[in-house]
C-alpha cells in the first residue's frame, strides 16, 4: 500500500476546518476539565508531586513517552498542552538536559508557562521552554512571526509577499527547532489531530530535527480498521482524537516512509479506549530511530543473529540467518551493535582481526553474498596455531 492510499492520509474533510475544530476544543479544555479528551494513563507518580493540580487536571494524553528518556538529553514534546509531560521530562533529563514544548494553542501555552517559575524553584533549575508553533512545521516560531506581523500589518499583496519572505527567513535563519539538534522527540496523543494532508510532512519534521542516532517516542491513538465516512466527517470526533487516528499498521508505515529504522511497538492498550461503529480505538506507543542514511563501507565486519527466529529481515532488506556470520557494512554494523541500539541484545558482533580504518575502506558491495567467511574476517594469511595443555576444570585457566 502506498502512503497516498494509506488510511492515515485518505480522509476527505475539506468541508470543515480540522485545525479550528481542534483549537476550539483544546482551548475549552484548558479552561475547564474535559475528561473525554483523556485516555486512562499511568505516570511515574513521584514526578507528578511538583506539579500543580491545574496542570494535572487539564493536560490530556493517552500514554507516557517520558518513560523512555534519559538524563542529559535534549527533548522536544510535540503538542505540549498544559505542560505535564514537559515538566516530567524536566526532572528526568536533569539540570544538564533541555526540554522544549511546542504547541499552537495560546490558552494551553499560557497555562503551561503560568507555573514555570514555581516548578523551576521546586526542582532547583530551569530547563524547560515553550514555543508556539505547528508540530508539522517545527522550523517556524509563530510568536516571532506574530511580532513581525504586528509591526507590519498586511494590507496589500506587496505586504503579503513581505510576510511570506519574513516567514521563510525565520525558518532559515531563526528556526524554532534547528536541524539535527534533538536527542528525543516525544508526543502524547497529538499526531492524530494534524490534518491528513499534513501528516507526512509532520513525520519528515520529526526526522529533520533529530540528531543522527536520535529517536522518536510517540504515544497516540490507533484504530484496527479505517474510520467510516460518518466518523471522518464529524468535527467533534476529530477534536476528540478519533477521526484522525492512525490505522495500526499505517502508524508504523509513516515512520518507515520518513526514513526511521528500529521501529517497535513499546506498548499497546489491550482493551480499546473507545469502540465506534465496530471500530476499535486504543492507545499505542512506538519508538523509532534516525541514523541509517549514508554510504556503506567494507570493513570486514559481521554479525551473528542469536535467534530465536530462523531468520529476520531489517528495514533495508538485509536478511540475518540464525547462527550464521552475516556480512554487513560499517554503517549497519554500528546500527546493530551500538550499546543504545534496539538490536544489540539480539546479535553477536564479529570484528576483523585487523582493523580497516574508515578512510581506507572500500565501498561495501550490497549485492555480494550475505554470509561472511571466517577467513575473510581473520584475513587470508591468518595461519596462527594456539594450543594449551588440557586443564583441569576449575583451575585458574578458566577453560571450564
Protein backbone atom coordinates (compact mmCIF):
# COMPACT_ATOMS: atom_id res chain seq x y z
CA UNK A 1 0.00 0.00 0.00
CA UNK A 2 1.45 3.39 -0.95
CA UNK A 3 1.23 6.23 1.53
CA UNK A 4 -1.12 8.09 -0.81
CA UNK A 5 -3.55 5.21 -0.42
CA UNK A 6 -2.96 4.80 3.30
CA UNK A 7 -5.91 5.11 5.66
CA UNK A 8 -3.88 7.74 7.52
CA UNK A 9 -3.97 10.12 4.55
CA UNK A 10 -7.09 9.30 2.57
CA UNK A 11 -9.59 11.38 4.54
CA UNK A 12 -11.79 13.94 2.79
CA UNK A 13 -12.61 16.61 5.36
CA UNK A 14 -12.40 19.74 3.26
CA UNK A 15 -15.91 20.87 4.18
CA UNK A 16 -14.83 21.93 7.68
CA UNK A 17 -11.68 23.28 9.31
CA UNK A 18 -9.96 20.48 11.21
CA UNK A 19 -7.40 22.82 12.81
CA UNK A 20 -10.09 25.17 14.08
CA UNK A 21 -12.16 22.31 15.50
CA UNK A 22 -9.12 21.02 17.39
CA UNK A 23 -8.09 24.50 18.54
CA UNK A 24 -11.56 25.33 19.88
CA UNK A 25 -11.86 22.01 21.73
CA UNK A 26 -8.47 22.27 23.43
CA UNK A 27 -8.88 25.94 24.30
CA UNK A 28 -12.03 24.89 26.14
CA UNK A 29 -10.10 22.00 27.69
CA UNK A 30 -7.54 24.47 29.07
CA UNK A 31 -10.29 26.38 30.87
CA UNK A 32 -12.43 23.51 32.08
CA UNK A 33 -11.56 19.83 32.50
CA UNK A 34 -12.73 17.63 29.61
CA UNK A 35 -12.47 14.01 30.73
CA UNK A 36 -13.44 12.72 27.26
CA UNK A 37 -10.15 14.02 25.84
CA UNK A 38 -8.12 11.75 28.10
CA UNK A 39 -7.29 8.07 27.75
CA UNK A 40 -6.52 6.46 31.17
CA UNK A 41 -2.73 6.55 31.62
CA UNK A 42 -0.40 5.70 34.49
CA UNK A 43 2.55 8.04 35.03
CA UNK A 44 5.54 7.68 37.35
CA UNK A 45 3.87 9.33 40.32
CA UNK A 46 6.93 10.80 42.03
CA UNK A 47 7.46 13.11 39.05
CA UNK A 48 3.94 14.49 39.49
CA UNK A 49 4.46 15.69 43.05
CA UNK A 50 5.87 19.08 41.98
CA UNK A 51 3.06 19.77 39.51
CA UNK A 52 0.03 21.92 40.40
CA UNK A 53 -3.43 20.40 40.20
CA UNK A 54 -4.43 22.68 37.33
CA UNK A 55 -1.78 21.17 35.04
CA UNK A 56 -2.58 17.63 36.14
CA UNK A 57 -6.29 18.11 35.53
CA UNK A 58 -6.09 19.93 32.19
CA UNK A 59 -3.39 18.01 30.40
CA UNK A 60 -4.71 15.30 28.09
CA UNK A 61 -2.93 12.24 26.74
CA UNK A 62 -3.01 8.50 26.05
CA UNK A 63 0.44 7.27 27.05
CA UNK A 64 3.68 8.14 28.80
CA UNK A 65 6.59 8.57 26.35
CA UNK A 66 8.63 10.23 29.12
CA UNK A 67 9.49 6.75 30.47
CA UNK A 68 11.92 6.29 27.58
CA UNK A 69 14.03 9.44 28.06
CA UNK A 70 17.44 9.60 29.79
CA UNK A 71 19.38 12.15 31.85
CA UNK A 72 21.19 14.89 29.94
CA UNK A 73 19.13 14.60 26.75
CA UNK A 74 17.52 17.37 24.73
CA UNK A 75 13.84 16.56 24.20
CA UNK A 76 11.06 18.14 22.15
CA UNK A 77 7.45 17.48 23.17
CA UNK A 78 5.04 17.89 20.25
CA UNK A 79 1.68 19.33 21.30
CA UNK A 80 2.87 20.04 24.83
CA UNK A 81 -0.52 21.33 26.01
CA UNK A 82 -0.61 22.23 29.71
CA UNK A 83 2.99 21.05 30.07
CA UNK A 84 2.65 17.89 32.16
CA UNK A 85 4.95 15.75 30.04
CA UNK A 86 7.45 18.62 29.72
CA UNK A 87 7.67 19.05 33.48
CA UNK A 88 8.05 15.29 33.98
CA UNK A 89 10.81 15.31 31.36
CA UNK A 90 12.43 18.30 33.05
CA UNK A 91 13.08 16.16 36.11
CA UNK A 92 14.15 13.10 34.10
CA UNK A 93 16.73 14.86 31.90
CA UNK A 94 18.04 16.84 34.88
CA UNK A 95 19.95 20.09 35.02
CA UNK A 96 22.18 19.17 32.08
CA UNK A 97 19.24 18.32 29.83
CA UNK A 98 16.78 20.54 28.00
CA UNK A 99 13.07 20.30 27.22
CA UNK A 100 11.20 22.24 24.52
CA UNK A 101 7.42 22.12 24.37
CA UNK A 102 5.74 23.01 21.07
CA UNK A 103 2.06 23.94 20.89
CA UNK A 104 -0.24 26.03 18.68
CA UNK A 105 -2.83 26.79 21.35
CA UNK A 106 -2.34 30.15 23.12
CA UNK A 107 -4.56 29.15 26.04
CA UNK A 108 -2.62 25.94 26.68
CA UNK A 109 0.72 27.75 26.29
CA UNK A 110 -0.36 30.32 28.86
CA UNK A 111 -1.32 27.56 31.30
CA UNK A 112 1.99 25.74 30.81
CA UNK A 113 4.02 28.94 31.30
CA UNK A 114 1.96 30.08 34.29
CA UNK A 115 3.74 27.68 36.66
CA UNK A 116 7.18 27.68 35.01
CA UNK A 117 8.98 29.72 37.70
CA UNK A 118 7.24 27.87 40.53
CA UNK A 119 8.21 24.43 39.24
CA UNK A 120 11.76 25.51 38.45
CA UNK A 121 12.13 26.74 42.03
CA UNK A 122 10.89 23.39 43.37
CA UNK A 123 13.31 21.25 41.36
CA UNK A 124 16.22 23.69 41.61
CA UNK A 125 16.90 24.53 37.98
CA UNK A 126 15.26 25.84 34.79
CA UNK A 127 15.48 23.69 31.68
CA UNK A 128 12.04 24.00 30.04
CA UNK A 129 10.95 26.38 27.28
CA UNK A 130 7.66 26.56 25.41
CA UNK A 131 7.46 27.56 21.74
CA UNK A 132 4.37 28.49 19.76
CA UNK A 133 4.35 26.56 16.52
CA UNK A 134 2.67 23.91 14.44
CA UNK A 135 4.14 20.48 15.02
CA UNK A 136 4.17 19.83 11.26
CA UNK A 137 6.35 22.96 10.79
CA UNK A 138 8.90 22.91 13.61
CA UNK A 139 11.15 25.49 11.95
CA UNK A 140 8.65 28.35 12.20
CA UNK A 141 8.36 30.18 15.53
CA UNK A 142 4.88 31.67 15.29
CA UNK A 143 5.40 34.13 18.15
CA UNK A 144 8.32 35.70 16.29
CA UNK A 145 6.23 35.81 13.13
CA UNK A 146 3.35 37.42 15.07
CA UNK A 147 5.70 40.09 16.46
CA UNK A 148 6.81 40.96 12.94
CA UNK A 149 3.21 40.97 11.73
CA UNK A 150 2.16 43.38 14.49
CA UNK A 151 4.74 45.85 13.21
CA UNK A 152 3.99 45.18 9.53
CA UNK A 153 0.23 44.61 9.10
CA UNK A 154 -0.80 43.08 5.82
CA UNK A 155 -2.98 45.38 3.75
CA UNK A 156 -1.75 44.82 0.21
CA UNK A 157 -0.42 41.99 -1.93
CA UNK A 158 3.03 43.52 -1.51
CA UNK A 159 2.58 43.29 2.26
CA UNK A 160 1.58 39.66 1.89
CA UNK A 161 4.72 38.95 -0.13
CA UNK A 162 6.80 40.61 2.59
CA UNK A 163 5.13 38.41 5.22
CA UNK A 164 5.96 35.29 3.24
CA UNK A 165 9.56 36.47 2.88
CA UNK A 166 9.85 37.01 6.63
CA UNK A 167 8.30 33.60 7.29
CA UNK A 168 10.89 31.95 5.06
CA UNK A 169 13.69 33.96 6.69
CA UNK A 170 12.64 32.85 10.16
CA UNK A 171 12.58 29.22 9.11
CA UNK A 172 16.07 29.51 7.63
CA UNK A 173 17.87 31.89 9.99
CA UNK A 174 16.00 31.55 13.30
CA UNK A 175 14.38 28.11 13.28
CA UNK A 176 12.31 27.21 16.32
CA UNK A 177 13.89 23.73 16.26
CA UNK A 178 17.07 23.52 14.11
CA UNK A 179 18.12 20.53 12.02
CA UNK A 180 19.81 17.63 13.82
CA UNK A 181 19.54 19.29 17.24
CA UNK A 182 17.40 16.97 19.37
CA UNK A 183 18.06 13.62 21.08
CA UNK A 184 14.42 12.62 21.50
CA UNK A 185 11.08 13.77 20.10
CA UNK A 186 8.07 12.73 22.18
CA UNK A 187 4.36 13.28 21.76
CA UNK A 188 1.31 12.23 23.72
CA UNK A 189 -1.91 11.79 21.74
CA UNK A 190 -1.39 14.75 19.40
CA UNK A 191 -0.25 13.48 15.98
CA UNK A 192 -3.75 12.23 15.20
CA UNK A 193 -5.03 15.83 15.47
CA UNK A 194 -2.96 17.01 12.49
CA UNK A 195 -4.77 17.44 9.19
CA UNK A 196 -4.47 14.38 6.92
CA UNK A 197 -2.70 16.34 4.19
CA UNK A 198 -0.01 17.45 6.68
CA UNK A 199 0.77 14.10 8.31
CA UNK A 200 3.63 13.08 6.02
CA UNK A 201 5.23 16.50 6.48
CA UNK A 202 4.84 16.03 10.24
CA UNK A 203 6.90 12.82 10.22
CA UNK A 204 9.52 14.44 7.98
CA UNK A 205 9.83 17.27 10.50
CA UNK A 206 10.32 14.84 13.38
CA UNK A 207 13.08 13.19 11.35
CA UNK A 208 14.66 16.53 10.44
CA UNK A 209 15.14 17.85 13.96
CA UNK A 210 16.57 14.61 15.42
CA UNK A 211 20.31 14.07 15.66
CA UNK A 212 21.80 11.02 13.99
CA UNK A 213 21.13 8.21 16.45
CA UNK A 214 18.24 10.14 17.98
CA UNK A 215 14.80 8.65 18.41
CA UNK A 216 11.11 9.43 18.40
CA UNK A 217 8.85 8.03 21.13
CA UNK A 218 5.23 8.67 20.23
CA UNK A 219 2.07 7.73 22.11
CA UNK A 220 -1.06 8.09 20.02
CA UNK A 221 -4.49 6.69 19.23
CA UNK A 222 -4.69 3.97 16.59
CA UNK A 223 -7.58 2.00 15.13
CA UNK A 224 -7.92 -1.53 13.81
CA UNK A 225 -9.99 -0.55 10.75
CA UNK A 226 -10.28 2.55 8.58
CA UNK A 227 -12.78 5.00 10.11
CA UNK A 228 -16.13 5.27 8.33
CA UNK A 229 -17.18 8.39 6.42
CA UNK A 230 -19.53 9.21 9.29
CA UNK A 231 -16.64 9.22 11.75
CA UNK A 232 -14.32 11.09 9.41
CA UNK A 233 -16.84 13.86 8.80
CA UNK A 234 -17.57 14.54 12.47
CA UNK A 235 -15.62 17.59 13.79
CA UNK A 236 -16.32 16.55 17.39
CA UNK A 237 -14.69 13.17 16.78
CA UNK A 238 -11.73 14.86 15.07
CA UNK A 239 -11.02 17.03 18.09
CA UNK A 240 -11.69 14.00 20.32
CA UNK A 241 -8.72 12.04 18.88
CA UNK A 242 -10.94 9.61 16.95
CA UNK A 243 -11.35 10.67 13.32
CA UNK A 244 -7.64 11.27 12.76
CA UNK A 245 -6.48 8.07 14.44
CA UNK A 246 -3.87 6.07 12.55
CA UNK A 247 -4.53 2.56 11.35
CA UNK A 248 -2.24 0.42 13.49
CA UNK A 249 -0.07 -0.75 10.60
CA UNK A 250 -0.26 2.68 8.94
CA UNK A 251 1.20 4.32 12.04
CA UNK A 252 4.34 2.19 11.73
CA UNK A 253 4.49 2.76 7.97
CA UNK A 254 4.62 6.52 8.50
CA UNK A 255 7.86 6.17 10.47
CA UNK A 256 9.32 3.86 7.85
CA UNK A 257 8.42 6.19 4.97
CA UNK A 258 10.12 9.09 6.77
CA UNK A 259 13.41 7.15 6.96
CA UNK A 260 13.35 5.78 10.51
CA UNK A 261 14.68 2.35 11.49
CA UNK A 262 14.37 0.12 14.56
CA UNK A 263 10.64 0.83 14.67
CA UNK A 264 8.98 -1.05 17.52
CA UNK A 265 5.75 -1.09 19.49
CA UNK A 266 6.59 -0.38 23.14
CA UNK A 267 3.05 -0.67 24.45
CA UNK A 268 -0.43 -1.34 23.06
CA UNK A 269 -3.60 -0.91 25.10
CA UNK A 270 -5.26 -4.32 25.40
CA UNK A 271 -8.86 -3.15 25.84
CA UNK A 272 -9.94 -0.44 23.38
CA UNK A 273 -10.36 3.08 24.71
CA UNK A 274 -13.46 3.56 22.54
CA UNK A 275 -15.41 1.49 20.02
CA UNK A 276 -17.41 3.36 17.37
CA UNK A 277 -19.34 1.65 14.58
CA UNK A 278 -17.50 -1.58 15.42
CA UNK A 279 -14.06 0.05 15.02
CA UNK A 280 -11.71 -0.19 17.99
CA UNK A 281 -9.63 2.81 19.04
CA UNK A 282 -6.77 2.30 21.50
CA UNK A 283 -3.51 3.81 22.69
CA UNK A 284 -0.18 2.66 21.28
CA UNK A 285 3.39 3.86 21.96
CA UNK A 286 6.02 3.46 19.24
CA UNK A 287 9.77 4.10 19.26
CA UNK A 288 11.81 4.70 16.09
CA UNK A 289 15.43 5.72 15.42
CA UNK A 290 17.19 8.03 12.97
CA UNK A 291 20.61 7.21 11.52
CA UNK A 292 20.61 4.66 8.70
CA UNK A 293 21.28 7.24 5.98
CA UNK A 294 24.79 7.47 4.49
CA UNK A 295 27.31 5.43 2.49
CA UNK A 296 28.18 1.76 3.04
CA UNK A 297 31.85 0.89 3.66
CA UNK A 298 33.52 -2.52 3.72
CA UNK A 299 35.49 -3.16 6.95
CA UNK A 300 35.10 -6.98 7.06
CA UNK A 301 32.64 -6.86 9.95
CA UNK A 302 29.95 -9.46 10.54
CA UNK A 303 27.11 -10.13 12.94
CA UNK A 304 25.54 -13.36 14.14
CA UNK A 305 21.82 -13.29 14.81
CA UNK A 306 21.18 -15.22 18.07
CA UNK A 307 17.58 -16.29 17.41
CA UNK A 308 15.01 -17.47 18.33
CA UNK A 309 13.58 -16.92 14.83
CA UNK A 310 15.14 -18.93 11.99
CA UNK A 311 15.78 -15.66 10.15
CA UNK A 312 14.83 -11.99 10.34
CA UNK A 313 14.88 -9.11 7.86
CA UNK A 314 15.66 -5.47 8.64
CA UNK A 315 14.14 -2.32 7.15
CA UNK A 316 16.76 -2.25 4.37
CA UNK A 317 16.08 -5.82 3.26
CA UNK A 318 19.14 -7.41 4.92
CA UNK A 319 18.34 -10.99 5.98
CA UNK A 320 20.03 -12.42 9.08
CA UNK A 321 20.06 -16.21 9.42
CA UNK A 322 20.21 -17.61 12.93
CA UNK A 323 23.73 -18.62 13.93
CA UNK A 324 25.43 -17.54 10.69
CA UNK A 325 28.08 -14.87 10.24
CA UNK A 326 26.33 -12.27 8.07
CA UNK A 327 28.39 -9.71 6.21
CA UNK A 328 27.42 -6.12 6.92
CA UNK A 329 28.77 -2.70 6.04
CA UNK A 330 30.24 -0.47 8.73
CA UNK A 331 27.08 1.64 8.96
CA UNK A 332 24.86 -1.39 9.53
CA UNK A 333 27.36 -2.88 11.97
CA UNK A 334 27.26 0.28 14.08
CA UNK A 335 23.45 0.40 13.96
CA UNK A 336 23.14 -3.22 15.09
CA UNK A 337 25.80 -3.26 17.81
CA UNK A 338 25.73 0.22 19.38
CA UNK A 339 25.01 -0.10 23.13
CA UNK A 340 21.89 2.04 22.66
CA UNK A 341 20.70 0.09 19.62
CA UNK A 342 17.34 -1.69 19.75
CA UNK A 343 19.05 -4.68 18.10
CA UNK A 344 22.23 -5.12 20.14
CA UNK A 345 20.77 -7.73 22.51
CA UNK A 346 19.87 -9.93 19.51
CA UNK A 347 23.23 -10.05 17.69
CA UNK A 348 26.83 -11.07 18.33
CA UNK A 349 29.38 -8.67 16.76
CA UNK A 350 32.28 -10.21 14.84
CA UNK A 351 35.19 -7.81 14.32
CA UNK A 352 38.03 -8.43 11.83
CA UNK A 353 41.41 -9.48 13.23
CA UNK A 354 42.98 -6.47 11.56
CA UNK A 355 41.08 -3.20 11.71
CA UNK A 356 40.45 -1.40 8.43
CA UNK A 357 40.48 2.37 9.05
CA UNK A 358 37.35 4.02 7.70
CA UNK A 359 39.39 6.31 5.45
CA UNK A 360 40.96 3.24 3.82
CA UNK A 361 37.73 1.25 3.47
CA UNK A 362 36.27 0.43 0.08
CA UNK A 363 32.61 0.63 -0.83
CA UNK A 364 30.60 -2.29 0.53
CA UNK A 365 29.06 -4.44 -2.19
CA UNK A 366 25.39 -4.67 -1.25
CA UNK A 367 24.88 -7.34 -3.95
CA UNK A 368 27.51 -9.71 -2.51
CA UNK A 369 26.77 -12.97 -0.73
CA UNK A 370 25.38 -12.14 2.68
CA UNK A 371 27.43 -14.79 4.52
CA UNK A 372 30.87 -13.68 5.71
CA UNK A 373 33.57 -16.37 5.54
CA UNK A 374 35.59 -16.71 8.76
CA UNK A 375 38.73 -16.48 6.61
CA UNK A 376 37.58 -13.12 5.33
CA UNK A 377 37.18 -11.83 8.88
CA UNK A 378 40.53 -13.28 10.04
CA UNK A 379 42.42 -12.39 6.84
CA UNK A 380 43.67 -14.62 4.02
CA UNK A 381 47.13 -15.04 5.60
CA UNK A 382 45.88 -15.97 9.07
CA UNK A 383 47.69 -19.20 10.00
CA UNK A 384 48.06 -18.91 13.76
CA UNK A 385 48.19 -22.08 15.83
CA UNK A 386 47.43 -21.85 19.52
CA UNK A 387 47.39 -24.87 21.85
CA UNK A 388 47.14 -25.39 25.58
CA UNK A 389 47.77 -28.34 27.86
CA UNK A 390 44.47 -29.86 28.88
CA UNK A 391 43.48 -28.00 32.06
CA UNK A 392 41.59 -29.37 35.00
CA UNK A 393 38.12 -27.89 35.30
CA UNK A 394 38.02 -25.22 37.98
CA UNK A 395 41.68 -24.21 37.63
CA UNK A 396 42.57 -20.60 37.03
CA UNK A 397 42.94 -21.20 33.29
CA UNK A 398 39.17 -20.86 33.11
CA UNK A 399 38.64 -23.35 30.30
CA UNK A 400 35.60 -24.86 32.00
